[in-house]
Amino acid sequence: MSGNVLLILHSGTAYIHGIKHARGNYVFIMDADLSHHPKFIPEFIKKQREGGYDLVSGTRYRGDGGVYGWDLRRKLIRLYKKEVLVSLVERCVSKGYVFQMEMIVRARQLNYTIGEVPISFVDRVYGESKLGGNEIVSFLKGLLTLFATT
């Protein structure tokens, strides 16, 4: 499947379904609404190659990173070694917005190496957010559970 993109659309547990279908040695996770611009992908690959990191995370807090029209709903953009990603998913219990946060918490617990690439976030280009009052309450409950159990 080299050179091809496999697009799988699911709601709720989309990450887990996508990861199960991923091929190759590395998996790149980003929002499909273009709030994470694909132009940053080469920087992630370069950073991983230079440091041999287990995962590389996009950050708005370093270098030229920033936020433009961004709100609290934005998720993360990351490149994972496939075996690291599978290991993390097997350990994660969270769903929804807390899932990505749990992934990084578990990665640190397991002493995986983490690199960071400065990126800028923009407000979504396509679609509408699913985030409402119920999702915010769920996120906060999940966050409390995550920190109470790790």
C-alpha atoms as a PDB file:
ATOM      1  CA  MET A   1       0.000   0.000   0.000  1.00  0.00           C
ATOM      2  CA  SER A   2       3.013   2.260  -0.259  1.00  0.00           C
ATOM      3  CA  GLY A   3       2.264   5.686  -1.668  1.00  0.00           C
ATOM      4  CA  ASN A   4      -1.486   5.338  -1.094  1.00  0.00           C
ATOM      5  CA  VAL A   5      -3.634   6.986   1.534  1.00  0.00           C
ATOM      6  CA  LEU A   6      -6.272   4.922   3.326  1.00  0.00           C
ATOM      7  CA  LEU A   7      -9.112   7.134   4.582  1.00  0.00           C
ATOM      8  CA  ILE A   8     -11.452   5.645   7.173  1.00  0.00           C
ATOM      9  CA  LEU A   9     -14.294   7.703   8.648  1.00  0.00           C
ATOM     10  CA  HIS A  10     -15.729   6.669  12.028  1.00  0.00           C
ATOM     11  CA  SER A  11     -17.064   8.664  14.930  1.00  0.00           C
ATOM     12  CA  GLY A  12     -16.143   8.373  18.603  1.00  0.00           C
ATOM     13  CA  THR A  13     -13.421   5.758  18.365  1.00  0.00           C
ATOM     14  CA  ALA A  14     -12.104   6.778  14.956  1.00  0.00           C
ATOM     15  CA  TYR A  15      -8.485   6.784  16.119  1.00  0.00           C
ATOM     16  CA  ILE A  16      -8.652   3.177  17.288  1.00  0.00           C
ATOM     17  CA  HIS A  17     -10.330   2.003  14.068  1.00  0.00           C
ATOM     18  CA  GLY A  18      -7.812   3.900  11.952  1.00  0.00           C
ATOM     19  CA  ILE A  19      -4.839   2.545  13.884  1.00  0.00           C
ATOM     20  CA  LYS A  20      -6.064  -1.028  13.376  1.00  0.00           C
ATOM     21  CA  HIS A  21      -5.979  -0.456   9.600  1.00  0.00           C
ATOM     22  CA  ALA A  22      -2.662   1.427   9.508  1.00  0.00           C
ATOM     23  CA  ARG A  23       0.256  -0.123   7.654  1.00  0.00           C
ATOM     24  CA  GLY A  24       3.953   0.638   7.652  1.00  0.00           C
ATOM     25  CA  ASN A  25       6.387   1.467  10.425  1.00  0.00           C
ATOM     26  CA  TYR A  26       5.031   4.935  11.269  1.00  0.00           C
ATOM     27  CA  VAL A  27       1.550   6.367  11.714  1.00  0.00           C
ATOM     28  CA  PHE A  28       0.708  10.048  11.423  1.00  0.00           C
ATOM     29  CA  ILE A  29      -2.375  11.295  13.303  1.00  0.00           C
ATOM     30  CA  MET A  30      -3.920  14.665  12.500  1.00  0.00           C
ATOM     31  CA  ASP A  31      -7.322  16.334  12.245  1.00  0.00           C
ATOM     32  CA  ALA A  32      -9.134  15.796   8.958  1.00  0.00           C
ATOM     33  CA  ASP A  33     -10.641  19.311   9.012  1.00  0.00           C
ATOM     34  CA  LEU A  34      -7.280  20.861   7.984  1.00  0.00           C
ATOM     35  CA  SER A  35      -6.774  22.671  11.298  1.00  0.00           C
ATOM     36  CA  HIS A  36      -3.406  20.893  11.123  1.00  0.00           C
ATOM     37  CA  HIS A  37      -1.798  21.756   7.808  1.00  0.00           C
ATOM     38  CA  PRO A  38      -0.134  18.831   5.979  1.00  0.00           C
ATOM     39  CA  LYS A  39       2.843  21.101   5.173  1.00  0.00           C
ATOM     40  CA  PHE A  40       4.245  20.228   8.623  1.00  0.00           C
ATOM     41  CA  ILE A  41       4.510  16.488   7.900  1.00  0.00           C
ATOM     42  CA  PRO A  42       8.090  16.679   6.520  1.00  0.00           C
ATOM     43  CA  GLU A  43       9.208  18.445   9.732  1.00  0.00           C
ATOM     44  CA  PHE A  44       7.834  15.586  11.825  1.00  0.00           C
ATOM     45  CA  ILE A  45       9.638  13.019   9.697  1.00  0.00           C
ATOM     46  CA  LYS A  46      12.879  15.018   9.844  1.00  0.00           C
ATOM     47  CA  LYS A  47      12.635  15.355  13.642  1.00  0.00           C
ATOM     48  CA  GLN A  48      11.978  11.633  14.065  1.00  0.00           C
ATOM     49  CA  ARG A  49      14.926  10.690  11.855  1.00  0.00           C
ATOM     50  CA  GLU A  50      17.293  13.091  13.618  1.00  0.00           C
ATOM     51  CA  GLY A  51      16.406  11.954  17.137  1.00  0.00           C
ATOM     52  CA  GLY A  52      15.090   8.427  16.614  1.00  0.00           C
ATOM     53  CA  TYR A  53      12.049   9.427  18.678  1.00  0.00           C
ATOM     54  CA  ASP A  54       9.252   6.986  19.463  1.00  0.00           C
ATOM     55  CA  LEU A  55       6.751   9.748  18.815  1.00  0.00           C
ATOM     56  CA  VAL A  56       6.866  13.343  17.618  1.00  0.00           C
ATOM     57  CA  SER A  57       4.184  15.780  18.733  1.00  0.00           C
ATOM     58  CA  GLY A  58       3.224  19.122  17.241  1.00  0.00           C
ATOM     59  CA  THR A  59       3.433  22.014  19.674  1.00  0.00           C
ATOM     60  CA  ARG A  60       2.284  25.600  19.506  1.00  0.00           C
ATOM     61  CA  TYR A  61       4.577  26.540  22.416  1.00  0.00           C
ATOM     62  CA  ARG A  62       8.012  26.272  20.759  1.00  0.00           C
ATOM     63  CA  GLY A  63       9.801  28.129  18.008  1.00  0.00           C
ATOM     64  CA  ASP A  64       7.469  29.572  15.409  1.00  0.00           C
ATOM     65  CA  GLY A  65       4.469  27.601  16.680  1.00  0.00           C
ATOM     66  CA  GLY A  66       1.239  29.465  17.251  1.00  0.00           C
ATOM     67  CA  VAL A  67      -2.524  29.454  17.282  1.00  0.00           C
ATOM     68  CA  TYR A  68      -4.786  31.247  14.819  1.00  0.00           C
ATOM     69  CA  GLY A  69      -8.546  31.159  15.412  1.00  0.00           C
ATOM     70  CA  TRP A  70      -7.958  28.196  17.721  1.00  0.00           C
ATOM     71  CA  ASP A  71     -10.149  27.224  20.648  1.00  0.00           C
ATOM     72  CA  LEU A  72     -10.059  24.564  23.379  1.00  0.00           C
ATOM     73  CA  ARG A  73     -11.425  21.921  21.020  1.00  0.00           C
ATOM     74  CA  ARG A  74      -8.263  21.483  18.976  1.00  0.00           C
ATOM     75  CA  LYS A  75      -6.619  18.136  19.239  1.00  0.00           C
ATOM     76  CA  LEU A  76      -3.060  17.076  18.635  1.00  0.00           C
ATOM     77  CA  ILE A  77      -0.953  16.253  15.620  1.00  0.00           C
ATOM     78  CA  ARG A  78       1.566  13.434  16.065  1.00  0.00           C
ATOM     79  CA  LEU A  79       3.815  10.946  14.326  1.00  0.00           C
ATOM     80  CA  TYR A  80       4.197   7.569  16.058  1.00  0.00           C
ATOM     81  CA  LYS A  81       6.347   4.526  15.519  1.00  0.00           C
ATOM     82  CA  LYS A  82       3.719   1.910  14.690  1.00  0.00           C
ATOM     83  CA  GLU A  83       4.729  -0.515  17.463  1.00  0.00           C
ATOM     84  CA  VAL A  84       4.692   2.312  20.025  1.00  0.00           C
ATOM     85  CA  LEU A  85       1.240   3.404  18.904  1.00  0.00           C
ATOM     86  CA  VAL A  86      -0.133  -0.140  19.136  1.00  0.00           C
ATOM     87  CA  SER A  87       1.359  -0.513  22.625  1.00  0.00           C
ATOM     88  CA  LEU A  88      -0.211   2.753  23.779  1.00  0.00           C
ATOM     89  CA  VAL A  89      -3.639   1.994  22.310  1.00  0.00           C
ATOM     90  CA  GLU A  90      -3.680  -1.375  24.095  1.00  0.00           C
ATOM     91  CA  ARG A  91      -3.192   0.440  27.425  1.00  0.00           C
ATOM     92  CA  CYS A  92      -5.576   3.351  26.893  1.00  0.00           C
ATOM     93  CA  VAL A  93      -9.058   3.272  28.377  1.00  0.00           C
ATOM     94  CA  SER A  94     -10.243   6.781  27.452  1.00  0.00           C
ATOM     95  CA  LYS A  95     -12.470   7.668  24.539  1.00  0.00           C
ATOM     96  CA  GLY A  96     -13.242  10.924  22.797  1.00  0.00           C
ATOM     97  CA  TYR A  97     -11.180  14.034  23.448  1.00  0.00           C
ATOM     98  CA  VAL A  98      -9.308  12.556  26.445  1.00  0.00           C
ATOM     99  CA  PHE A  99      -7.890   9.688  24.352  1.00  0.00           C
ATOM    100  CA  GLN A 100      -5.096  11.787  22.818  1.00  0.00           C
ATOM    101  CA  MET A 101      -4.106  13.183  26.201  1.00  0.00           C
ATOM    102  CA  GLU A 102      -4.005   9.703  27.714  1.00  0.00           C
ATOM    103  CA  MET A 103      -1.754   8.573  24.860  1.00  0.00           C
ATOM    104  CA  ILE A 104       0.925  11.131  25.780  1.00  0.00           C
ATOM    105  CA  VAL A 105       0.586  10.441  29.530  1.00  0.00           C
ATOM    106  CA  ARG A 106       1.055   6.707  28.930  1.00  0.00           C
ATOM    107  CA  ALA A 107       3.978   7.357  26.567  1.00  0.00           C
ATOM    108  CA  ARG A 108       5.764   9.289  29.306  1.00  0.00           C
ATOM    109  CA  GLN A 109       4.996   6.571  31.887  1.00  0.00           C
ATOM    110  CA  LEU A 110       6.535   3.966  29.585  1.00  0.00           C
ATOM    111  CA  ASN A 111       9.610   6.168  28.986  1.00  0.00           C
ATOM    112  CA  TYR A 112       9.055   6.467  25.249  1.00  0.00           C
ATOM    113  CA  THR A 113      11.115   9.233  23.672  1.00  0.00           C
ATOM    114  CA  ILE A 114       9.124  12.267  22.557  1.00  0.00           C
ATOM    115  CA  GLY A 115      10.235  14.969  20.124  1.00  0.00           C
ATOM    116  CA  GLU A 116       8.394  18.216  19.427  1.00  0.00           C
ATOM    117  CA  VAL A 117       7.923  20.210  16.228  1.00  0.00           C
ATOM    118  CA  PRO A 118       6.655  23.816  16.301  1.00  0.00           C
ATOM    119  CA  ILE A 119       3.481  24.115  14.242  1.00  0.00           C
ATOM    120  CA  SER A 120       0.736  26.673  13.874  1.00  0.00           C
ATOM    121  CA  PHE A 121      -2.892  25.709  14.313  1.00  0.00           C
ATOM    122  CA  VAL A 122      -5.689  27.364  12.356  1.00  0.00           C
ATOM    123  CA  ASP A 123      -9.409  27.220  12.947  1.00  0.00           C
ATOM    124  CA  ARG A 124     -11.113  24.384  11.102  1.00  0.00           C
ATOM    125  CA  VAL A 125     -11.399  24.787   7.345  1.00  0.00           C
ATOM    126  CA  TYR A 126     -14.141  22.181   6.793  1.00  0.00           C
ATOM    127  CA  GLY A 127     -17.040  20.882   8.862  1.00  0.00           C
ATOM    128  CA  GLU A 128     -18.471  21.864  12.192  1.00  0.00           C
ATOM    129  CA  SER A 129     -17.313  20.921  15.655  1.00  0.00           C
ATOM    130  CA  LYS A 130     -19.140  18.167  17.512  1.00  0.00           C
ATOM    131  CA  LEU A 131     -18.122  19.751  20.813  1.00  0.00           C
ATOM    132  CA  GLY A 132     -21.046  20.808  22.963  1.00  0.00           C
ATOM    133  CA  GLY A 133     -21.848  21.002  26.658  1.00  0.00           C
ATOM    134  CA  ASN A 134     -22.050  17.219  27.091  1.00  0.00           C
ATOM    135  CA  GLU A 135     -18.670  16.715  25.429  1.00  0.00           C
ATOM    136  CA  ILE A 136     -17.060  19.325  27.685  1.00  0.00           C
ATOM    137  CA  VAL A 137     -18.439  17.616  30.808  1.00  0.00           C
ATOM    138  CA  SER A 138     -17.282  14.224  29.463  1.00  0.00           C
ATOM    139  CA  PHE A 139     -13.844  15.652  28.743  1.00  0.00           C
ATOM    140  CA  LEU A 140     -13.488  17.059  32.261  1.00  0.00           C
ATOM    141  CA  LYS A 141     -14.655  13.781  33.847  1.00  0.00           C
ATOM    142  CA  GLY A 142     -12.248  11.833  31.652  1.00  0.00           C
ATOM    143  CA  LEU A 143      -9.427  14.192  32.543  1.00  0.00           C
ATOM    144  CA  LEU A 144     -10.066  13.787  36.273  1.00  0.00           C
ATOM    145  CA  THR A 145     -10.207  10.003  35.883  1.00  0.00           C
ATOM    146  CA  LEU A 146      -6.985  10.002  33.878  1.00  0.00           C
ATOM    147  CA  PHE A 147      -5.045  11.955  36.481  1.00  0.00           C
ATOM    148  CA  ALA A 148      -6.570  10.017  39.382  1.00  0.00           C
ATOM    149  CA  THR A 149      -5.597   6.652  37.894  1.00  0.00           C
ATOM    150  CA  THR A 150      -2.157   7.312  36.397  1.00  0.00           C
END
